[in-house]
Amino acid sequence: MDECKKKLQSSLEKSSISSDMENRRKMSEEEEDMIARMHKLVGDKWELIAGRIPGRKADEIQRFWLNNKKTNTRS
């Protein structure tokens, strides 16, 4: 019984992770520009930046910024 529970839990976690990945939308050029401009103004205040971009969460914006940092450091 315990082994069955572990398999079910593992399966649920994997499906949850894959559905999160599927639900992510690619950032539009406008969103990317807004993130870059806001970051230049306020720094790493992800909640504040997310408040300016409808439908985006702070952790999503932070993850985007950190994953694309090399291309986001334009002057």
PDB file of N, CA and C in Angstrom:
ATOM      1  N   MET A   1       0.824  -1.210   0.000  1.00  0.00           N
ATOM      2  CA  MET A   1       0.000   0.000   0.000  1.00  0.00           C
ATOM      3  C   MET A   1       0.858   1.261   0.000  1.00  0.00           C
ATOM      4  N   ASP A   2       1.898   1.266   0.805  1.00  0.00           N
ATOM      5  CA  ASP A   2       2.775   2.427   0.897  1.00  0.00           C
ATOM      6  C   ASP A   2       3.475   2.699  -0.437  1.00  0.00           C
ATOM      7  N   GLU A   3       3.912   1.642  -1.119  1.00  0.00           N
ATOM      8  CA  GLU A   3       4.572   1.780  -2.423  1.00  0.00           C
ATOM      9  C   GLU A   3       3.612   2.378  -3.451  1.00  0.00           C
ATOM     10  N   CYS A   4       2.380   1.974  -3.403  1.00  0.00           N
ATOM     11  CA  CYS A   4       1.350   2.492  -4.315  1.00  0.00           C
ATOM     12  C   CYS A   4       1.150   3.998  -4.099  1.00  0.00           C
ATOM     13  N   LYS A   5       1.116   4.418  -2.839  1.00  0.00           N
ATOM     14  CA  LYS A   5       0.956   5.834  -2.513  1.00  0.00           C
ATOM     15  C   LYS A   5       2.118   6.655  -3.063  1.00  0.00           C
ATOM     16  N   LYS A   6       3.341   6.123  -2.930  1.00  0.00           N
ATOM     17  CA  LYS A   6       4.526   6.826  -3.415  1.00  0.00           C
ATOM     18  C   LYS A   6       4.474   7.009  -4.923  1.00  0.00           C
ATOM     19  N   LYS A   7       4.067   5.956  -5.643  1.00  0.00           N
ATOM     20  CA  LYS A   7       3.971   6.033  -7.100  1.00  0.00           C
ATOM     21  C   LYS A   7       2.930   7.061  -7.524  1.00  0.00           C
ATOM     22  N   LEU A   8       1.790   7.051  -6.845  1.00  0.00           N
ATOM     23  CA  LEU A   8       0.725   7.999  -7.164  1.00  0.00           C
ATOM     24  C   LEU A   8       1.184   9.427  -6.899  1.00  0.00           C
ATOM     25  N   GLN A   9       1.829   9.657  -5.744  1.00  0.00           N
ATOM     26  CA  GLN A   9       2.319  10.991  -5.406  1.00  0.00           C
ATOM     27  C   GLN A   9       3.332  11.470  -6.440  1.00  0.00           C
ATOM     28  N   SER A  10       4.247  10.600  -6.823  1.00  0.00           N
ATOM     29  CA  SER A  10       5.262  10.943  -7.815  1.00  0.00           C
ATOM     30  C   SER A  10       4.615  11.303  -9.148  1.00  0.00           C
ATOM     31  N   SER A  11       3.626  10.528  -9.538  1.00  0.00           N
ATOM     32  CA  SER A  11       2.924  10.774 -10.791  1.00  0.00           C
ATOM     33  C   SER A  11       2.204  12.125 -10.766  1.00  0.00           C
ATOM     34  N   LEU A  12       1.564  12.437  -9.646  1.00  0.00           N
ATOM     35  CA  LEU A  12       0.854  13.708  -9.508  1.00  0.00           C
ATOM     36  C   LEU A  12       1.823  14.889  -9.554  1.00  0.00           C
ATOM     37  N   GLU A  13       2.973  14.749  -8.903  1.00  0.00           N
ATOM     38  CA  GLU A  13       3.963  15.832  -8.910  1.00  0.00           C
ATOM     39  C   GLU A  13       4.478  16.073 -10.326  1.00  0.00           C
ATOM     40  N   LYS A  14       4.757  15.016 -11.066  1.00  0.00           N
ATOM     41  CA  LYS A  14       5.255  15.161 -12.434  1.00  0.00           C
ATOM     42  C   LYS A  14       4.222  15.826 -13.321  1.00  0.00           C
ATOM     43  N   SER A  15       2.947  15.443 -13.189  1.00  0.00           N
ATOM     44  CA  SER A  15       1.915  16.040 -14.030  1.00  0.00           C
ATOM     45  C   SER A  15       1.703  17.498 -13.654  1.00  0.00           C
ATOM     46  N   SER A  16       1.859  17.833 -12.386  1.00  0.00           N
ATOM     47  CA  SER A  16       1.724  19.216 -11.943  1.00  0.00           C
ATOM     48  C   SER A  16       2.837  20.072 -12.531  1.00  0.00           C
ATOM     49  N   ILE A  17       4.049  19.556 -12.537  1.00  0.00           N
ATOM     50  CA  ILE A  17       5.185  20.283 -13.087  1.00  0.00           C
ATOM     51  C   ILE A  17       5.003  20.495 -14.580  1.00  0.00           C
ATOM     52  N   SER A  18       4.593  19.452 -15.302  1.00  0.00           N
ATOM     53  CA  SER A  18       4.441  19.596 -16.749  1.00  0.00           C
ATOM     54  C   SER A  18       3.300  20.541 -17.092  1.00  0.00           C
ATOM     55  N   SER A  19       2.220  20.553 -16.305  1.00  0.00           N
ATOM     56  CA  SER A  19       1.131  21.476 -16.612  1.00  0.00           C
ATOM     57  C   SER A  19       1.551  22.915 -16.329  1.00  0.00           C
ATOM     58  N   ASP A  20       2.405  23.136 -15.307  1.00  0.00           N
ATOM     59  CA  ASP A  20       2.930  24.475 -15.051  1.00  0.00           C
ATOM     60  C   ASP A  20       3.752  24.954 -16.232  1.00  0.00           C
ATOM     61  N   MET A  21       4.559  24.074 -16.802  1.00  0.00           N
ATOM     62  CA  MET A  21       5.393  24.442 -17.947  1.00  0.00           C
ATOM     63  C   MET A  21       4.527  24.762 -19.154  1.00  0.00           C
ATOM     64  N   GLU A  22       3.455  24.011 -19.358  1.00  0.00           N
ATOM     65  CA  GLU A  22       2.570  24.242 -20.498  1.00  0.00           C
ATOM     66  C   GLU A  22       1.804  25.550 -20.349  1.00  0.00           C
ATOM     67  N   ASN A  23       1.486  25.935 -19.104  1.00  0.00           N
ATOM     68  CA  ASN A  23       0.697  27.136 -18.870  1.00  0.00           C
ATOM     69  C   ASN A  23       1.502  28.424 -19.013  1.00  0.00           C
ATOM     70  N   ARG A  24       2.818  28.317 -19.000  1.00  0.00           N
ATOM     71  CA  ARG A  24       3.638  29.522 -19.157  1.00  0.00           C
ATOM     72  C   ARG A  24       3.547  30.050 -20.570  1.00  0.00           C
ATOM     73  N   ARG A  25       3.340  31.350 -20.648  1.00  0.00           N
ATOM     74  CA  ARG A  25       3.327  32.004 -21.948  1.00  0.00           C
ATOM     75  C   ARG A  25       4.682  32.647 -22.173  1.00  0.00           C
ATOM     76  N   LYS A  26       5.056  32.701 -23.425  1.00  0.00           N
ATOM     77  CA  LYS A  26       6.291  33.401 -23.785  1.00  0.00           C
ATOM     78  C   LYS A  26       6.060  34.891 -23.557  1.00  0.00           C
ATOM     79  N   MET A  27       7.082  35.558 -23.090  1.00  0.00           N
ATOM     80  CA  MET A  27       6.976  37.000 -22.873  1.00  0.00           C
ATOM     81  C   MET A  27       6.905  37.706 -24.223  1.00  0.00           C
ATOM     82  N   SER A  28       5.994  38.642 -24.331  1.00  0.00           N
ATOM     83  CA  SER A  28       5.904  39.436 -25.560  1.00  0.00           C
ATOM     84  C   SER A  28       7.037  40.463 -25.560  1.00  0.00           C
ATOM     85  N   GLU A  29       7.295  41.047 -26.708  1.00  0.00           N
ATOM     86  CA  GLU A  29       8.330  42.091 -26.796  1.00  0.00           C
ATOM     87  C   GLU A  29       7.992  43.266 -25.883  1.00  0.00           C
ATOM     88  N   GLU A  30       6.713  43.616 -25.809  1.00  0.00           N
ATOM     89  CA  GLU A  30       6.283  44.721 -24.952  1.00  0.00           C
ATOM     90  C   GLU A  30       6.561  44.402 -23.489  1.00  0.00           C
ATOM     91  N   GLU A  31       6.271  43.145 -23.082  1.00  0.00           N
ATOM     92  CA  GLU A  31       6.525  42.741 -21.700  1.00  0.00           C
ATOM     93  C   GLU A  31       8.029  42.751 -21.407  1.00  0.00           C
ATOM     94  N   GLU A  32       8.828  42.238 -22.334  1.00  0.00           N
ATOM     95  CA  GLU A  32      10.275  42.229 -22.157  1.00  0.00           C
ATOM     96  C   GLU A  32      10.809  43.643 -21.997  1.00  0.00           C
ATOM     97  N   ASP A  33      10.318  44.558 -22.839  1.00  0.00           N
ATOM     98  CA  ASP A  33      10.744  45.949 -22.771  1.00  0.00           C
ATOM     99  C   ASP A  33      10.335  46.575 -21.438  1.00  0.00           C
ATOM    100  N   MET A  34       9.111  46.316 -21.012  1.00  0.00           N
ATOM    101  CA  MET A  34       8.620  46.854 -19.738  1.00  0.00           C
ATOM    102  C   MET A  34       9.457  46.324 -18.575  1.00  0.00           C
ATOM    103  N   ILE A  35       9.776  45.040 -18.589  1.00  0.00           N
ATOM    104  CA  ILE A  35      10.590  44.452 -17.520  1.00  0.00           C
ATOM    105  C   ILE A  35      11.962  45.107 -17.485  1.00  0.00           C
ATOM    106  N   ALA A  36      12.586  45.273 -18.641  1.00  0.00           N
ATOM    107  CA  ALA A  36      13.916  45.889 -18.703  1.00  0.00           C
ATOM    108  C   ALA A  36      13.879  47.327 -18.184  1.00  0.00           C
ATOM    109  N   ARG A  37      12.876  48.084 -18.614  1.00  0.00           N
ATOM    110  CA  ARG A  37      12.779  49.489 -18.178  1.00  0.00           C
ATOM    111  C   ARG A  37      12.491  49.593 -16.687  1.00  0.00           C
ATOM    112  N   MET A  38      11.556  48.761 -16.210  1.00  0.00           N
ATOM    113  CA  MET A  38      11.210  48.788 -14.787  1.00  0.00           C
ATOM    114  C   MET A  38      12.393  48.327 -13.931  1.00  0.00           C
ATOM    115  N   HIS A  39      13.094  47.301 -14.396  1.00  0.00           N
ATOM    116  CA  HIS A  39      14.244  46.813 -13.625  1.00  0.00           C
ATOM    117  C   HIS A  39      15.313  47.890 -13.521  1.00  0.00           C
ATOM    118  N   LYS A  40      15.495  48.623 -14.586  1.00  0.00           N
ATOM    119  CA  LYS A  40      16.479  49.714 -14.574  1.00  0.00           C
ATOM    120  C   LYS A  40      16.070  50.782 -13.550  1.00  0.00           C
ATOM    121  N   LEU A  41      14.767  51.025 -13.419  1.00  0.00           N
ATOM    122  CA  LEU A  41      14.266  52.038 -12.489  1.00  0.00           C
ATOM    123  C   LEU A  41      14.230  51.580 -11.035  1.00  0.00           C
ATOM    124  N   VAL A  42      13.720  50.355 -10.804  1.00  0.00           N
ATOM    125  CA  VAL A  42      13.452  49.923  -9.423  1.00  0.00           C
ATOM    126  C   VAL A  42      14.302  48.746  -8.959  1.00  0.00           C
ATOM    127  N   GLY A  43      15.093  48.169  -9.852  1.00  0.00           N
ATOM    128  CA  GLY A  43      15.930  47.038  -9.455  1.00  0.00           C
ATOM    129  C   GLY A  43      15.130  45.745  -9.351  1.00  0.00           C
ATOM    130  N   ASP A  44      15.500  44.930  -8.386  1.00  0.00           N
ATOM    131  CA  ASP A  44      14.921  43.591  -8.245  1.00  0.00           C
ATOM    132  C   ASP A  44      13.596  43.573  -7.468  1.00  0.00           C
ATOM    133  N   LYS A  45      12.784  44.548  -7.631  1.00  0.00           N
ATOM    134  CA  LYS A  45      11.487  44.597  -6.944  1.00  0.00           C
ATOM    135  C   LYS A  45      10.444  43.937  -7.838  1.00  0.00           C
ATOM    136  N   TRP A  46      10.471  42.598  -7.846  1.00  0.00           N
ATOM    137  CA  TRP A  46       9.673  41.810  -8.792  1.00  0.00           C
ATOM    138  C   TRP A  46       8.183  42.004  -8.597  1.00  0.00           C
ATOM    139  N   GLU A  47       7.729  42.159  -7.352  1.00  0.00           N
ATOM    140  CA  GLU A  47       6.292  42.376  -7.095  1.00  0.00           C
ATOM    141  C   GLU A  47       5.832  43.688  -7.732  1.00  0.00           C
ATOM    142  N   LEU A  48       6.639  44.703  -7.606  1.00  0.00           N
ATOM    143  CA  LEU A  48       6.317  46.010  -8.177  1.00  0.00           C
ATOM    144  C   LEU A  48       6.266  45.918  -9.704  1.00  0.00           C
ATOM    145  N   ILE A  49       7.248  45.245 -10.286  1.00  0.00           N
ATOM    146  CA  ILE A  49       7.282  45.084 -11.744  1.00  0.00           C
ATOM    147  C   ILE A  49       6.071  44.270 -12.209  1.00  0.00           C
ATOM    148  N   ALA A  50       5.763  43.198 -11.487  1.00  0.00           N
ATOM    149  CA  ALA A  50       4.622  42.346 -11.855  1.00  0.00           C
ATOM    150  C   ALA A  50       3.303  43.119 -11.797  1.00  0.00           C
ATOM    151  N   GLY A  51       3.225  44.093 -10.912  1.00  0.00           N
ATOM    152  CA  GLY A  51       2.019  44.910 -10.803  1.00  0.00           C
ATOM    153  C   GLY A  51       1.747  45.736 -12.047  1.00  0.00           C
ATOM    154  N   ARG A  52       2.772  45.944 -12.861  1.00  0.00           N
ATOM    155  CA  ARG A  52       2.635  46.723 -14.095  1.00  0.00           C
ATOM    156  C   ARG A  52       2.371  45.862 -15.322  1.00  0.00           C
ATOM    157  N   ILE A  53       2.459  44.538 -15.149  1.00  0.00           N
ATOM    158  CA  ILE A  53       2.282  43.634 -16.290  1.00  0.00           C
ATOM    159  C   ILE A  53       1.135  42.675 -15.978  1.00  0.00           C
ATOM    160  N   PRO A  54      -0.052  42.949 -16.495  1.00  0.00           N
ATOM    161  CA  PRO A  54      -1.219  42.122 -16.202  1.00  0.00           C
ATOM    162  C   PRO A  54      -0.996  40.645 -16.556  1.00  0.00           C
ATOM    163  N   GLY A  55      -1.421  39.775 -15.643  1.00  0.00           N
ATOM    164  CA  GLY A  55      -1.361  38.336 -15.887  1.00  0.00           C
ATOM    165  C   GLY A  55      -0.017  37.705 -15.599  1.00  0.00           C
ATOM    166  N   ARG A  56       0.929  38.476 -15.094  1.00  0.00           N
ATOM    167  CA  ARG A  56       2.256  37.938 -14.772  1.00  0.00           C
ATOM    168  C   ARG A  56       2.480  38.009 -13.263  1.00  0.00           C
ATOM    169  N   LYS A  57       3.146  36.980 -12.746  1.00  0.00           N
ATOM    170  CA  LYS A  57       3.459  36.929 -11.321  1.00  0.00           C
ATOM    171  C   LYS A  57       4.916  37.312 -11.113  1.00  0.00           C
ATOM    172  N   ALA A  58       5.222  37.771  -9.909  1.00  0.00           N
ATOM    173  CA  ALA A  58       6.573  38.224  -9.590  1.00  0.00           C
ATOM    174  C   ALA A  58       7.609  37.129  -9.818  1.00  0.00           C
ATOM    175  N   ASP A  59       7.314  35.902  -9.392  1.00  0.00           N
ATOM    176  CA  ASP A  59       8.294  34.825  -9.561  1.00  0.00           C
ATOM    177  C   ASP A  59       8.520  34.489 -11.029  1.00  0.00           C
ATOM    178  N   GLU A  60       7.478  34.632 -11.830  1.00  0.00           N
ATOM    179  CA  GLU A  60       7.588  34.382 -13.271  1.00  0.00           C
ATOM    180  C   GLU A  60       8.501  35.430 -13.929  1.00  0.00           C
ATOM    181  N   ILE A  61       8.349  36.677 -13.526  1.00  0.00           N
ATOM    182  CA  ILE A  61       9.170  37.757 -14.074  1.00  0.00           C
ATOM    183  C   ILE A  61      10.618  37.621 -13.606  1.00  0.00           C
ATOM    184  N   GLN A  62      10.803  37.287 -12.341  1.00  0.00           N
ATOM    185  CA  GLN A  62      12.155  37.091 -11.828  1.00  0.00           C
ATOM    186  C   GLN A  62      12.847  35.945 -12.557  1.00  0.00           C
ATOM    187  N   ARG A  63      12.148  34.844 -12.741  1.00  0.00           N
ATOM    188  CA  ARG A  63      12.714  33.694 -13.456  1.00  0.00           C
ATOM    189  C   ARG A  63      13.086  34.083 -14.886  1.00  0.00           C
ATOM    190  N   PHE A  64      12.204  34.835 -15.542  1.00  0.00           N
ATOM    191  CA  PHE A  64      12.489  35.302 -16.900  1.00  0.00           C
ATOM    192  C   PHE A  64      13.750  36.160 -16.903  1.00  0.00           C
ATOM    193  N   TRP A  65      13.832  37.110 -15.964  1.00  0.00           N
ATOM    194  CA  TRP A  65      14.964  38.021 -15.913  1.00  0.00           C
ATOM    195  C   TRP A  65      16.272  37.266 -15.688  1.00  0.00           C
ATOM    196  N   LEU A  66      16.267  36.365 -14.733  1.00  0.00           N
ATOM    197  CA  LEU A  66      17.493  35.631 -14.417  1.00  0.00           C
ATOM    198  C   LEU A  66      17.912  34.699 -15.553  1.00  0.00           C
ATOM    199  N   ASN A  67      16.946  34.115 -16.234  1.00  0.00           N
ATOM    200  CA  ASN A  67      17.263  33.210 -17.351  1.00  0.00           C
ATOM    201  C   ASN A  67      17.722  33.954 -18.596  1.00  0.00           C
ATOM    202  N   ASN A  68      17.396  35.241 -18.682  1.00  0.00           N
ATOM    203  CA  ASN A  68      17.737  36.030 -19.864  1.00  0.00           C
ATOM    204  C   ASN A  68      18.617  37.220 -19.517  1.00  0.00           C
ATOM    205  N   LYS A  69      19.314  37.131 -18.426  1.00  0.00           N
ATOM    206  CA  LYS A  69      20.077  38.266 -17.892  1.00  0.00           C
ATOM    207  C   LYS A  69      21.077  38.850 -18.895  1.00  0.00           C
ATOM    208  N   LYS A  70      21.764  38.007 -19.650  1.00  0.00           N
ATOM    209  CA  LYS A  70      22.770  38.494 -20.595  1.00  0.00           C
ATOM    210  C   LYS A  70      22.153  39.399 -21.654  1.00  0.00           C
ATOM    211  N   THR A  71      20.956  39.057 -22.127  1.00  0.00           N
ATOM    212  CA  THR A  71      20.312  39.868 -23.157  1.00  0.00           C
ATOM    213  C   THR A  71      19.556  41.048 -22.556  1.00  0.00           C
ATOM    214  N   ASN A  72      19.309  41.018 -21.235  1.00  0.00           N
ATOM    215  CA  ASN A  72      18.565  42.100 -20.587  1.00  0.00           C
ATOM    216  C   ASN A  72      19.430  43.223 -20.067  1.00  0.00           C
ATOM    217  N   THR A  73      20.721  43.099 -20.152  1.00  0.00           N
ATOM    218  CA  THR A  73      21.600  44.128 -19.604  1.00  0.00           C
ATOM    219  C   THR A  73      21.966  45.166 -20.652  1.00  0.00           C
ATOM    220  N   ARG A  74      20.953  45.646 -21.362  1.00  0.00           N
ATOM    221  CA  ARG A  74      21.200  46.699 -22.358  1.00  0.00           C
ATOM    222  C   ARG A  74      21.209  48.049 -21.669  1.00  0.00           C
ATOM    223  N   SER A  75      21.986  48.947 -22.216  1.00  0.00           N
ATOM    224  CA  SER A  75      22.107  50.280 -21.610  1.00  0.00           C
ATOM    225  C   SER A  75      21.186  51.267 -22.256  1.00  0.00           C
TER     226      SER A  75
END
